[in-house]
Amino acid sequence: MTTQQKPALRYLPGDGTEVMVEVAFLSDYPRGTNGRCAFCNGDPCAETSLAGTLIHDFYERNPKAETCPMCDGKPS
């Protein structure tokens, strides 16, 4: 049995960090298998995101941010 690795994209969110984001396809920004932004998962302001998610951790490191740095708050 082989394990299939999900495709990932190296992303620099602009706060001095680097993350690998799992993506299913690219459109105007990378999207996950659910069709939502691969970085914020449709929660660009981290209003309901749990600790440990990419977008929550981004706001922890960059509290002055206004929206997701990948999708710029576009609907997903």
N, C-alpha and C. Protein backbone atom coordinates (compact mmCIF):
# COMPACT_ATOMS: atom_id res chain seq x y z
N MET A 1 0.84 -1.18 0.00
CA MET A 1 0.00 0.00 0.00
C MET A 1 0.88 1.24 0.00
N THR A 2 0.61 2.17 -0.88
CA THR A 2 1.38 3.39 -0.95
C THR A 2 0.57 4.55 -0.40
N THR A 3 1.26 5.51 0.17
CA THR A 3 0.62 6.70 0.70
C THR A 3 0.78 7.81 -0.32
N GLN A 4 -0.32 8.41 -0.72
CA GLN A 4 -0.26 9.49 -1.69
C GLN A 4 -0.11 10.81 -0.95
N GLN A 5 0.92 11.55 -1.32
CA GLN A 5 1.18 12.83 -0.68
C GLN A 5 0.37 13.92 -1.37
N LYS A 6 -0.25 14.79 -0.58
CA LYS A 6 -1.03 15.89 -1.14
C LYS A 6 -0.07 16.96 -1.65
N PRO A 7 -0.42 17.61 -2.76
CA PRO A 7 0.44 18.68 -3.26
C PRO A 7 0.48 19.84 -2.28
N ALA A 8 1.62 20.45 -2.15
CA ALA A 8 1.78 21.58 -1.24
C ALA A 8 2.44 22.74 -1.96
N LEU A 9 2.18 23.92 -1.48
CA LEU A 9 2.70 25.15 -2.04
C LEU A 9 3.43 25.91 -0.94
N ARG A 10 4.65 26.32 -1.19
CA ARG A 10 5.41 27.13 -0.24
C ARG A 10 4.83 28.54 -0.28
N TYR A 11 4.49 29.08 0.90
CA TYR A 11 3.87 30.41 0.96
C TYR A 11 4.54 31.25 2.03
N LEU A 12 4.84 32.50 1.70
CA LEU A 12 5.42 33.46 2.63
C LEU A 12 4.33 34.49 2.96
N PRO A 13 3.69 34.41 4.14
CA PRO A 13 2.57 35.29 4.46
C PRO A 13 2.94 36.73 4.74
N GLY A 14 4.21 37.08 4.75
CA GLY A 14 4.60 38.47 4.91
C GLY A 14 4.91 38.87 6.34
N ASP A 15 4.92 37.91 7.24
CA ASP A 15 5.24 38.24 8.63
C ASP A 15 6.56 37.60 9.07
N GLY A 16 7.38 37.24 8.10
CA GLY A 16 8.68 36.65 8.38
C GLY A 16 8.67 35.14 8.51
N THR A 17 7.52 34.53 8.31
CA THR A 17 7.44 33.08 8.41
C THR A 17 7.26 32.46 7.04
N GLU A 18 7.38 31.15 6.99
CA GLU A 18 7.15 30.39 5.77
C GLU A 18 6.29 29.20 6.13
N VAL A 19 5.26 28.92 5.33
CA VAL A 19 4.40 27.77 5.59
C VAL A 19 4.22 26.98 4.30
N MET A 20 3.94 25.70 4.47
CA MET A 20 3.59 24.85 3.35
C MET A 20 2.09 24.64 3.42
N VAL A 21 1.37 24.99 2.35
CA VAL A 21 -0.08 24.92 2.31
C VAL A 21 -0.49 23.80 1.37
N GLU A 22 -1.30 22.86 1.86
CA GLU A 22 -1.80 21.79 1.01
C GLU A 22 -2.86 22.36 0.07
N VAL A 23 -2.72 22.10 -1.20
CA VAL A 23 -3.66 22.64 -2.19
C VAL A 23 -4.20 21.52 -3.08
N ALA A 24 -5.42 21.74 -3.56
CA ALA A 24 -6.03 20.81 -4.49
C ALA A 24 -5.96 21.37 -5.90
N PHE A 25 -6.14 22.70 -6.03
CA PHE A 25 -6.03 23.35 -7.33
C PHE A 25 -5.77 24.84 -7.15
N LEU A 26 -5.29 25.45 -8.22
CA LEU A 26 -5.01 26.89 -8.21
C LEU A 26 -6.05 27.60 -9.06
N SER A 27 -6.52 28.70 -8.57
CA SER A 27 -7.40 29.58 -9.35
C SER A 27 -6.79 30.96 -9.20
N ASP A 28 -7.53 31.94 -8.73
CA ASP A 28 -6.92 33.23 -8.47
C ASP A 28 -6.08 33.20 -7.20
N TYR A 29 -6.26 32.16 -6.37
CA TYR A 29 -5.42 31.86 -5.21
C TYR A 29 -5.55 30.36 -4.94
N PRO A 30 -4.59 29.74 -4.26
CA PRO A 30 -4.64 28.29 -4.03
C PRO A 30 -5.85 27.89 -3.18
N ARG A 31 -6.49 26.80 -3.57
CA ARG A 31 -7.67 26.32 -2.85
C ARG A 31 -7.46 24.88 -2.42
N GLY A 32 -8.08 24.55 -1.30
CA GLY A 32 -8.03 23.18 -0.78
C GLY A 32 -9.05 22.30 -1.45
N THR A 33 -9.17 21.07 -0.98
CA THR A 33 -10.09 20.12 -1.59
C THR A 33 -11.55 20.53 -1.43
N ASN A 34 -11.86 21.40 -0.46
CA ASN A 34 -13.23 21.86 -0.27
C ASN A 34 -13.56 23.10 -1.11
N GLY A 35 -12.60 23.57 -1.91
CA GLY A 35 -12.82 24.74 -2.77
C GLY A 35 -12.58 26.06 -2.07
N ARG A 36 -12.27 26.02 -0.80
CA ARG A 36 -12.01 27.26 -0.05
C ARG A 36 -10.53 27.58 -0.07
N CYS A 37 -10.20 28.79 0.34
CA CYS A 37 -8.80 29.21 0.41
C CYS A 37 -8.00 28.19 1.21
N ALA A 38 -6.86 27.77 0.68
CA ALA A 38 -6.04 26.75 1.32
C ALA A 38 -5.39 27.27 2.60
N PHE A 39 -5.29 28.58 2.77
CA PHE A 39 -4.64 29.16 3.94
C PHE A 39 -5.64 29.42 5.07
N CYS A 40 -6.78 30.06 4.76
CA CYS A 40 -7.73 30.43 5.82
C CYS A 40 -8.97 29.55 5.87
N ASN A 41 -9.16 28.70 4.88
CA ASN A 41 -10.31 27.80 4.82
C ASN A 41 -11.64 28.56 4.89
N GLY A 42 -11.72 29.72 4.25
CA GLY A 42 -12.96 30.48 4.20
C GLY A 42 -13.21 31.36 5.41
N ASP A 43 -12.24 31.50 6.29
CA ASP A 43 -12.36 32.35 7.47
C ASP A 43 -11.23 33.39 7.44
N PRO A 44 -11.30 34.37 6.53
CA PRO A 44 -10.18 35.29 6.31
C PRO A 44 -9.84 36.20 7.48
N CYS A 45 -10.73 36.35 8.44
CA CYS A 45 -10.45 37.18 9.61
C CYS A 45 -10.23 36.34 10.87
N ALA A 46 -10.17 35.03 10.71
CA ALA A 46 -9.95 34.08 11.80
C ALA A 46 -10.97 34.25 12.93
N GLU A 47 -12.21 34.50 12.55
CA GLU A 47 -13.26 34.69 13.55
C GLU A 47 -13.67 33.37 14.22
N THR A 48 -13.60 32.27 13.50
CA THR A 48 -14.01 30.98 14.06
C THR A 48 -12.91 29.93 13.98
N SER A 49 -11.73 30.31 13.51
CA SER A 49 -10.64 29.35 13.36
C SER A 49 -10.03 28.99 14.70
N LEU A 50 -9.70 27.73 14.85
CA LEU A 50 -9.13 27.23 16.09
C LEU A 50 -7.63 27.48 16.15
N ALA A 51 -7.10 27.50 17.36
CA ALA A 51 -5.65 27.63 17.55
C ALA A 51 -4.96 26.49 16.82
N GLY A 52 -3.84 26.79 16.22
CA GLY A 52 -3.08 25.78 15.48
C GLY A 52 -3.38 25.77 13.99
N THR A 53 -4.45 26.47 13.55
CA THR A 53 -4.71 26.57 12.12
C THR A 53 -3.79 27.63 11.53
N LEU A 54 -3.56 27.54 10.24
CA LEU A 54 -2.66 28.50 9.60
C LEU A 54 -3.11 29.93 9.80
N ILE A 55 -4.40 30.21 9.61
CA ILE A 55 -4.87 31.60 9.71
C ILE A 55 -4.85 32.09 11.16
N HIS A 56 -5.18 31.26 12.11
CA HIS A 56 -5.12 31.67 13.52
C HIS A 56 -3.69 32.01 13.91
N ASP A 57 -2.76 31.13 13.55
CA ASP A 57 -1.36 31.38 13.87
C ASP A 57 -0.83 32.63 13.17
N PHE A 58 -1.30 32.89 11.94
CA PHE A 58 -0.89 34.10 11.23
C PHE A 58 -1.29 35.35 12.01
N TYR A 59 -2.53 35.40 12.50
CA TYR A 59 -2.98 36.56 13.26
C TYR A 59 -2.28 36.67 14.61
N GLU A 60 -1.89 35.56 15.19
CA GLU A 60 -1.12 35.59 16.44
C GLU A 60 0.23 36.29 16.20
N ARG A 61 0.85 36.00 15.05
CA ARG A 61 2.15 36.59 14.73
C ARG A 61 2.02 37.99 14.14
N ASN A 62 0.86 38.31 13.58
CA ASN A 62 0.68 39.56 12.85
C ASN A 62 -0.68 40.17 13.23
N PRO A 63 -0.83 40.68 14.47
CA PRO A 63 -2.13 41.13 14.96
C PRO A 63 -2.72 42.35 14.22
N LYS A 64 -1.91 43.06 13.47
CA LYS A 64 -2.43 44.23 12.74
C LYS A 64 -2.97 43.87 11.35
N ALA A 65 -2.88 42.60 11.00
CA ALA A 65 -3.39 42.17 9.70
C ALA A 65 -4.90 42.38 9.63
N GLU A 66 -5.39 42.67 8.43
CA GLU A 66 -6.81 42.94 8.26
C GLU A 66 -7.56 41.77 7.64
N THR A 67 -6.86 40.94 6.88
CA THR A 67 -7.51 39.80 6.23
C THR A 67 -6.48 38.76 5.85
N CYS A 68 -6.94 37.65 5.33
CA CYS A 68 -6.06 36.57 4.93
C CYS A 68 -5.05 37.07 3.90
N PRO A 69 -3.77 36.77 4.09
CA PRO A 69 -2.77 37.25 3.14
C PRO A 69 -2.77 36.51 1.80
N MET A 70 -3.45 35.36 1.73
CA MET A 70 -3.45 34.59 0.49
C MET A 70 -4.62 34.96 -0.41
N CYS A 71 -5.84 34.96 0.14
CA CYS A 71 -7.03 35.23 -0.70
C CYS A 71 -7.48 36.68 -0.60
N ASP A 72 -6.90 37.44 0.32
CA ASP A 72 -7.25 38.84 0.53
C ASP A 72 -8.73 39.01 0.84
N GLY A 73 -9.31 38.01 1.50
CA GLY A 73 -10.71 38.09 1.91
C GLY A 73 -11.73 37.84 0.81
N LYS A 74 -11.27 37.38 -0.36
CA LYS A 74 -12.21 37.10 -1.45
C LYS A 74 -13.09 35.92 -1.07
N PRO A 75 -14.35 35.91 -1.48
CA PRO A 75 -15.23 34.78 -1.17
C PRO A 75 -14.68 33.49 -1.76
N SER A 76 -14.83 32.42 -1.01
CA SER A 76 -14.35 31.14 -1.53
C SER A 76 -15.42 30.08 -1.51
